[in-house]
Amino acid sequence: MRYTLLLHYPELMAEGELDEAAIQEGQRAFQEYATALADAGVLIGADVLAPSSATTQVTRKAGELQVQDGPFADTREALGGRFLIDVADLDQALEWAAKAPSVTWGTVEVRPVGTWFDLDSRHWQVDPQAT
């Protein structure tokens, strides 16, 4: 079953709150985490998102396309990245979420993937267990 691990953590830190060594340690920890997921054969994909200040929102209201620069949410934590995994069940997804480096300074949201577009078949696939 596919799960998306959505990583939410503080996006903007005070000047000097993280030194270069802490940044390098975080990068090393995420490298090890992604490698462990890949070695276990459960990793489908992973992304680190650009800052929310780079966000652009697109909507069509009353027939008119509207494009607006972000950010939009006024929150302490922002969505910073995601890991897409394929595991047997929620318990395994939670085990992997607990190992995410950012769980110590943010939140890891575990959400089942209900439907996905399969590139090989060019059709939408539905996971009946995701309800």
N, C-alpha and C. Protein backbone atom coordinates (compact mmCIF):
# COMPACT_ATOMS: atom_id res chain seq x y z
N MET A 1 0.84 -1.17 0.00
CA MET A 1 0.00 0.00 0.00
C MET A 1 0.89 1.24 0.00
N ARG A 2 0.51 2.22 -0.75
CA ARG A 2 1.29 3.45 -0.85
C ARG A 2 0.89 4.45 0.24
N TYR A 3 1.92 5.07 0.80
CA TYR A 3 1.72 6.13 1.79
C TYR A 3 2.64 7.29 1.42
N THR A 4 2.16 8.49 1.68
CA THR A 4 3.01 9.67 1.55
C THR A 4 3.34 10.15 2.95
N LEU A 5 4.62 10.30 3.21
CA LEU A 5 5.08 10.87 4.47
C LEU A 5 5.34 12.35 4.21
N LEU A 6 4.48 13.20 4.73
CA LEU A 6 4.58 14.64 4.52
C LEU A 6 5.33 15.25 5.70
N LEU A 7 6.43 15.90 5.40
CA LEU A 7 7.31 16.44 6.44
C LEU A 7 6.99 17.92 6.66
N HIS A 8 6.51 18.23 7.84
CA HIS A 8 6.21 19.62 8.22
C HIS A 8 7.21 20.03 9.29
N TYR A 9 7.85 21.17 9.09
CA TYR A 9 8.80 21.64 10.09
C TYR A 9 8.98 23.15 9.94
N PRO A 10 9.55 23.78 10.97
CA PRO A 10 9.75 25.23 10.89
C PRO A 10 10.59 25.58 9.66
N GLU A 11 10.07 26.50 8.88
CA GLU A 11 10.74 26.84 7.63
C GLU A 11 11.78 27.94 7.82
N LEU A 12 11.41 28.94 8.58
CA LEU A 12 12.31 30.07 8.76
C LEU A 12 12.85 30.06 10.18
N MET A 13 14.12 30.04 10.28
CA MET A 13 14.77 30.06 11.58
C MET A 13 15.41 31.42 11.79
N ALA A 14 15.60 31.75 13.03
CA ALA A 14 16.27 33.01 13.36
C ALA A 14 17.72 32.96 12.87
N GLU A 15 18.25 34.10 12.56
CA GLU A 15 19.64 34.21 12.10
C GLU A 15 20.57 33.52 13.09
N GLY A 16 21.38 32.61 12.58
CA GLY A 16 22.35 31.92 13.40
C GLY A 16 21.80 30.76 14.21
N GLU A 17 20.49 30.48 14.11
CA GLU A 17 19.89 29.39 14.89
C GLU A 17 20.47 28.03 14.48
N LEU A 18 20.76 27.89 13.20
CA LEU A 18 21.40 26.67 12.70
C LEU A 18 22.75 27.04 12.11
N ASP A 19 23.80 26.43 12.64
CA ASP A 19 25.11 26.69 12.06
C ASP A 19 25.37 25.68 10.93
N GLU A 20 26.45 25.86 10.23
CA GLU A 20 26.78 25.02 9.07
C GLU A 20 26.88 23.54 9.46
N ALA A 21 27.43 23.27 10.63
CA ALA A 21 27.57 21.88 11.09
C ALA A 21 26.19 21.23 11.28
N ALA A 22 25.24 21.97 11.82
CA ALA A 22 23.89 21.43 12.03
C ALA A 22 23.20 21.18 10.68
N ILE A 23 23.41 22.07 9.73
CA ILE A 23 22.83 21.88 8.39
C ILE A 23 23.42 20.64 7.74
N GLN A 24 24.72 20.48 7.81
CA GLN A 24 25.37 19.31 7.24
C GLN A 24 24.91 18.02 7.92
N GLU A 25 24.73 18.06 9.22
CA GLU A 25 24.26 16.89 9.96
C GLU A 25 22.84 16.52 9.51
N GLY A 26 21.99 17.54 9.32
CA GLY A 26 20.63 17.28 8.82
C GLY A 26 20.64 16.67 7.43
N GLN A 27 21.48 17.18 6.56
CA GLN A 27 21.59 16.63 5.21
C GLN A 27 22.09 15.19 5.24
N ARG A 28 23.06 14.90 6.11
CA ARG A 28 23.58 13.54 6.25
C ARG A 28 22.48 12.61 6.77
N ALA A 29 21.71 13.06 7.74
CA ALA A 29 20.64 12.25 8.32
C ALA A 29 19.58 11.92 7.27
N PHE A 30 19.21 12.90 6.45
CA PHE A 30 18.22 12.64 5.40
C PHE A 30 18.78 11.74 4.31
N GLN A 31 20.07 11.86 4.01
CA GLN A 31 20.70 10.96 3.04
C GLN A 31 20.63 9.53 3.54
N GLU A 32 20.96 9.32 4.81
CA GLU A 32 20.89 7.99 5.39
C GLU A 32 19.46 7.45 5.41
N TYR A 33 18.50 8.31 5.74
CA TYR A 33 17.09 7.90 5.79
C TYR A 33 16.61 7.49 4.40
N ALA A 34 16.88 8.31 3.39
CA ALA A 34 16.45 7.98 2.02
C ALA A 34 17.13 6.70 1.54
N THR A 35 18.39 6.53 1.87
CA THR A 35 19.12 5.32 1.48
C THR A 35 18.52 4.09 2.16
N ALA A 36 18.15 4.21 3.43
CA ALA A 36 17.54 3.09 4.15
C ALA A 36 16.20 2.71 3.52
N LEU A 37 15.39 3.70 3.15
CA LEU A 37 14.12 3.43 2.47
C LEU A 37 14.36 2.74 1.14
N ALA A 38 15.33 3.22 0.38
CA ALA A 38 15.64 2.63 -0.92
C ALA A 38 16.18 1.21 -0.76
N ASP A 39 17.08 1.02 0.19
CA ASP A 39 17.65 -0.31 0.42
C ASP A 39 16.58 -1.31 0.85
N ALA A 40 15.55 -0.84 1.56
CA ALA A 40 14.45 -1.71 1.99
C ALA A 40 13.48 -2.01 0.86
N GLY A 41 13.66 -1.31 -0.27
CA GLY A 41 12.79 -1.54 -1.43
C GLY A 41 11.42 -0.92 -1.32
N VAL A 42 11.25 0.09 -0.44
CA VAL A 42 9.93 0.69 -0.25
C VAL A 42 9.83 2.12 -0.80
N LEU A 43 10.94 2.72 -1.16
CA LEU A 43 10.93 4.11 -1.62
C LEU A 43 10.50 4.21 -3.08
N ILE A 44 9.48 5.02 -3.34
CA ILE A 44 9.03 5.29 -4.70
C ILE A 44 9.58 6.64 -5.16
N GLY A 45 9.60 7.62 -4.28
CA GLY A 45 10.11 8.94 -4.63
C GLY A 45 10.24 9.81 -3.40
N ALA A 46 11.01 10.88 -3.51
CA ALA A 46 11.20 11.82 -2.41
C ALA A 46 11.51 13.19 -2.98
N ASP A 47 11.06 14.21 -2.29
CA ASP A 47 11.29 15.59 -2.71
C ASP A 47 11.52 16.47 -1.50
N VAL A 48 12.41 17.43 -1.63
CA VAL A 48 12.54 18.53 -0.68
C VAL A 48 12.00 19.74 -1.41
N LEU A 49 11.06 20.43 -0.79
CA LEU A 49 10.41 21.56 -1.44
C LEU A 49 11.20 22.85 -1.24
N ALA A 50 11.13 23.71 -2.21
CA ALA A 50 11.70 25.05 -2.08
C ALA A 50 10.90 25.80 -1.00
N PRO A 51 11.43 26.87 -0.45
CA PRO A 51 10.70 27.61 0.58
C PRO A 51 9.32 28.06 0.11
N SER A 52 8.40 28.20 1.06
CA SER A 52 7.04 28.61 0.71
C SER A 52 7.00 30.00 0.07
N SER A 53 8.04 30.78 0.26
CA SER A 53 8.10 32.10 -0.40
C SER A 53 8.18 31.96 -1.91
N ALA A 54 8.54 30.76 -2.41
CA ALA A 54 8.61 30.51 -3.86
C ALA A 54 7.29 29.98 -4.42
N THR A 55 6.27 29.86 -3.56
CA THR A 55 4.98 29.31 -3.95
C THR A 55 4.23 30.24 -4.89
N THR A 56 3.57 29.65 -5.87
CA THR A 56 2.64 30.37 -6.74
C THR A 56 1.35 29.58 -6.77
N GLN A 57 0.24 30.27 -6.60
CA GLN A 57 -1.07 29.63 -6.56
C GLN A 57 -1.83 29.98 -7.84
N VAL A 58 -2.44 28.94 -8.45
CA VAL A 58 -3.20 29.13 -9.67
C VAL A 58 -4.63 28.68 -9.41
N THR A 59 -5.59 29.50 -9.77
CA THR A 59 -7.00 29.15 -9.63
C THR A 59 -7.80 29.81 -10.76
N ARG A 60 -8.94 29.28 -11.02
CA ARG A 60 -9.83 29.88 -12.02
C ARG A 60 -11.16 30.15 -11.33
N LYS A 61 -11.42 31.41 -11.06
CA LYS A 61 -12.66 31.81 -10.40
C LYS A 61 -13.47 32.68 -11.35
N ALA A 62 -14.74 32.36 -11.43
CA ALA A 62 -15.65 33.10 -12.32
C ALA A 62 -15.09 33.13 -13.75
N GLY A 63 -14.45 32.01 -14.16
CA GLY A 63 -13.95 31.90 -15.52
C GLY A 63 -12.65 32.61 -15.79
N GLU A 64 -12.10 33.30 -14.78
CA GLU A 64 -10.86 34.06 -14.99
C GLU A 64 -9.70 33.40 -14.25
N LEU A 65 -8.61 33.18 -14.97
CA LEU A 65 -7.43 32.59 -14.38
C LEU A 65 -6.75 33.61 -13.48
N GLN A 66 -6.44 33.18 -12.25
CA GLN A 66 -5.76 34.05 -11.30
C GLN A 66 -4.48 33.36 -10.85
N VAL A 67 -3.38 34.09 -10.91
CA VAL A 67 -2.08 33.60 -10.48
C VAL A 67 -1.59 34.54 -9.39
N GLN A 68 -1.25 33.95 -8.23
CA GLN A 68 -0.84 34.77 -7.09
C GLN A 68 0.40 34.17 -6.45
N ASP A 69 1.38 35.02 -6.14
CA ASP A 69 2.58 34.57 -5.45
C ASP A 69 2.27 34.32 -3.98
N GLY A 70 3.00 33.38 -3.40
CA GLY A 70 2.80 33.01 -1.99
C GLY A 70 3.83 33.65 -1.11
N PRO A 71 3.95 33.23 0.11
CA PRO A 71 3.25 32.11 0.74
C PRO A 71 1.83 32.49 1.16
N PHE A 72 1.04 31.48 1.52
CA PHE A 72 -0.37 31.69 1.82
C PHE A 72 -0.73 31.36 3.25
N ALA A 73 -0.15 30.31 3.80
CA ALA A 73 -0.48 29.92 5.16
C ALA A 73 0.37 30.69 6.15
N ASP A 74 -0.27 31.15 7.21
CA ASP A 74 0.45 31.85 8.27
C ASP A 74 0.59 30.86 9.43
N THR A 75 1.56 29.98 9.31
CA THR A 75 1.76 28.95 10.32
C THR A 75 3.22 28.90 10.74
N ARG A 76 3.46 28.25 11.85
CA ARG A 76 4.82 28.09 12.34
C ARG A 76 5.57 27.04 11.54
N GLU A 77 4.85 25.99 11.13
CA GLU A 77 5.47 24.92 10.34
C GLU A 77 4.95 24.98 8.91
N ALA A 78 5.79 24.55 7.98
CA ALA A 78 5.40 24.50 6.57
C ALA A 78 5.73 23.11 6.02
N LEU A 79 5.06 22.74 4.95
CA LEU A 79 5.37 21.49 4.28
C LEU A 79 6.73 21.65 3.63
N GLY A 80 7.68 20.83 4.05
CA GLY A 80 9.04 20.97 3.56
C GLY A 80 9.47 19.89 2.60
N GLY A 81 8.74 18.77 2.57
CA GLY A 81 9.12 17.70 1.66
C GLY A 81 8.21 16.50 1.85
N ARG A 82 8.50 15.47 1.03
CA ARG A 82 7.68 14.27 1.13
C ARG A 82 8.47 13.05 0.67
N PHE A 83 8.10 11.93 1.24
CA PHE A 83 8.60 10.63 0.81
C PHE A 83 7.38 9.80 0.42
N LEU A 84 7.42 9.19 -0.74
CA LEU A 84 6.36 8.30 -1.19
C LEU A 84 6.89 6.88 -1.05
N ILE A 85 6.19 6.07 -0.24
CA ILE A 85 6.66 4.72 0.03
C ILE A 85 5.56 3.71 -0.28
N ASP A 86 5.96 2.47 -0.48
CA ASP A 86 5.02 1.37 -0.71
C ASP A 86 5.35 0.28 0.30
N VAL A 87 4.48 0.12 1.30
CA VAL A 87 4.68 -0.84 2.38
C VAL A 87 3.42 -1.67 2.57
N ALA A 88 3.50 -2.67 3.41
CA ALA A 88 2.39 -3.60 3.59
C ALA A 88 1.17 -2.96 4.27
N ASP A 89 1.42 -2.07 5.24
CA ASP A 89 0.28 -1.54 5.99
C ASP A 89 0.67 -0.27 6.73
N LEU A 90 -0.31 0.30 7.44
CA LEU A 90 -0.09 1.55 8.17
C LEU A 90 0.98 1.38 9.24
N ASP A 91 1.02 0.24 9.91
CA ASP A 91 2.03 0.04 10.94
C ASP A 91 3.44 0.21 10.38
N GLN A 92 3.70 -0.36 9.21
CA GLN A 92 5.02 -0.19 8.60
C GLN A 92 5.27 1.25 8.19
N ALA A 93 4.24 1.93 7.69
CA ALA A 93 4.39 3.34 7.32
C ALA A 93 4.73 4.17 8.55
N LEU A 94 4.08 3.87 9.68
CA LEU A 94 4.36 4.60 10.91
C LEU A 94 5.77 4.32 11.42
N GLU A 95 6.24 3.09 11.25
CA GLU A 95 7.62 2.77 11.64
C GLU A 95 8.61 3.61 10.84
N TRP A 96 8.39 3.74 9.53
CA TRP A 96 9.29 4.55 8.70
C TRP A 96 9.16 6.03 9.06
N ALA A 97 7.94 6.49 9.33
CA ALA A 97 7.75 7.89 9.71
C ALA A 97 8.50 8.22 10.99
N ALA A 98 8.50 7.30 11.93
CA ALA A 98 9.20 7.52 13.21
C ALA A 98 10.70 7.64 13.02
N LYS A 99 11.23 7.12 11.93
CA LYS A 99 12.66 7.18 11.66
C LYS A 99 13.07 8.43 10.87
N ALA A 100 12.10 9.22 10.42
CA ALA A 100 12.43 10.44 9.66
C ALA A 100 13.19 11.41 10.55
N PRO A 101 14.31 11.94 10.08
CA PRO A 101 15.09 12.86 10.91
C PRO A 101 14.28 14.05 11.43
N SER A 102 13.35 14.55 10.64
CA SER A 102 12.61 15.75 11.02
C SER A 102 11.56 15.49 12.09
N VAL A 103 11.33 14.24 12.48
CA VAL A 103 10.34 13.96 13.51
C VAL A 103 10.75 14.57 14.85
N THR A 104 12.02 14.88 15.02
CA THR A 104 12.48 15.49 16.28
C THR A 104 12.27 17.00 16.33
N TRP A 105 12.06 17.65 15.20
CA TRP A 105 11.85 19.10 15.21
C TRP A 105 10.61 19.52 14.44
N GLY A 106 9.82 18.57 13.98
CA GLY A 106 8.60 18.90 13.25
C GLY A 106 7.61 17.75 13.33
N THR A 107 6.73 17.70 12.37
CA THR A 107 5.68 16.69 12.33
C THR A 107 5.79 15.91 11.02
N VAL A 108 5.58 14.60 11.10
CA VAL A 108 5.50 13.78 9.89
C VAL A 108 4.07 13.29 9.79
N GLU A 109 3.39 13.75 8.77
CA GLU A 109 2.01 13.35 8.51
C GLU A 109 2.05 12.11 7.61
N VAL A 110 1.37 11.05 8.01
CA VAL A 110 1.32 9.81 7.24
C VAL A 110 -0.05 9.73 6.60
N ARG A 111 -0.08 9.75 5.27
CA ARG A 111 -1.37 9.74 4.58
C ARG A 111 -1.39 8.66 3.50
N PRO A 112 -2.43 7.79 3.53
CA PRO A 112 -2.52 6.77 2.48
C PRO A 112 -2.76 7.43 1.12
N VAL A 113 -2.19 6.82 0.10
CA VAL A 113 -2.44 7.25 -1.27
C VAL A 113 -3.62 6.43 -1.78
N GLY A 114 -4.69 7.09 -2.16
CA GLY A 114 -5.88 6.37 -2.62
C GLY A 114 -5.86 6.07 -4.10
N THR A 115 -5.35 7.00 -4.87
CA THR A 115 -5.34 6.88 -6.33
C THR A 115 -4.05 7.48 -6.86
N TRP A 116 -3.47 6.84 -7.86
CA TRP A 116 -2.26 7.39 -8.49
C TRP A 116 -2.29 7.09 -9.98
N PHE A 117 -1.58 7.91 -10.73
CA PHE A 117 -1.48 7.73 -12.17
C PHE A 117 -0.27 6.85 -12.46
N ASP A 118 -0.51 5.71 -13.07
CA ASP A 118 0.55 4.77 -13.41
C ASP A 118 1.14 5.13 -14.77
N LEU A 119 2.41 5.46 -14.78
CA LEU A 119 3.06 5.90 -16.02
C LEU A 119 3.15 4.79 -17.06
N ASP A 120 3.31 3.55 -16.63
CA ASP A 120 3.42 2.44 -17.57
C ASP A 120 2.10 2.18 -18.30
N SER A 121 1.01 2.09 -17.54
CA SER A 121 -0.29 1.77 -18.15
C SER A 121 -1.02 3.02 -18.66
N ARG A 122 -0.59 4.19 -18.20
CA ARG A 122 -1.25 5.46 -18.55
C ARG A 122 -2.70 5.49 -18.06
N HIS A 123 -2.92 4.85 -16.91
CA HIS A 123 -4.25 4.82 -16.30
C HIS A 123 -4.13 5.09 -14.80
N TRP A 124 -5.23 5.54 -14.23
CA TRP A 124 -5.30 5.75 -12.79
C TRP A 124 -5.46 4.40 -12.11
N GLN A 125 -4.74 4.22 -11.02
CA GLN A 125 -4.83 3.02 -10.20
C GLN A 125 -5.47 3.40 -8.87
N VAL A 126 -6.31 2.51 -8.35
CA VAL A 126 -7.00 2.77 -7.08
C VAL A 126 -6.60 1.71 -6.09
N ASP A 127 -6.23 2.14 -4.90
CA ASP A 127 -5.92 1.20 -3.82
C ASP A 127 -7.17 1.02 -2.98
N PRO A 128 -7.81 -0.15 -3.05
CA PRO A 128 -9.06 -0.36 -2.30
C PRO A 128 -8.87 -0.32 -0.78
N GLN A 129 -7.64 -0.47 -0.29
CA GLN A 129 -7.38 -0.43 1.15
C GLN A 129 -7.28 0.99 1.69
N ALA A 130 -7.23 1.98 0.84
CA ALA A 130 -6.95 3.36 1.27
C ALA A 130 -8.18 4.10 1.76
N THR A 131 -9.26 3.45 1.96
CA THR A 131 -10.47 4.16 2.42
C THR A 131 -10.53 4.32 3.89
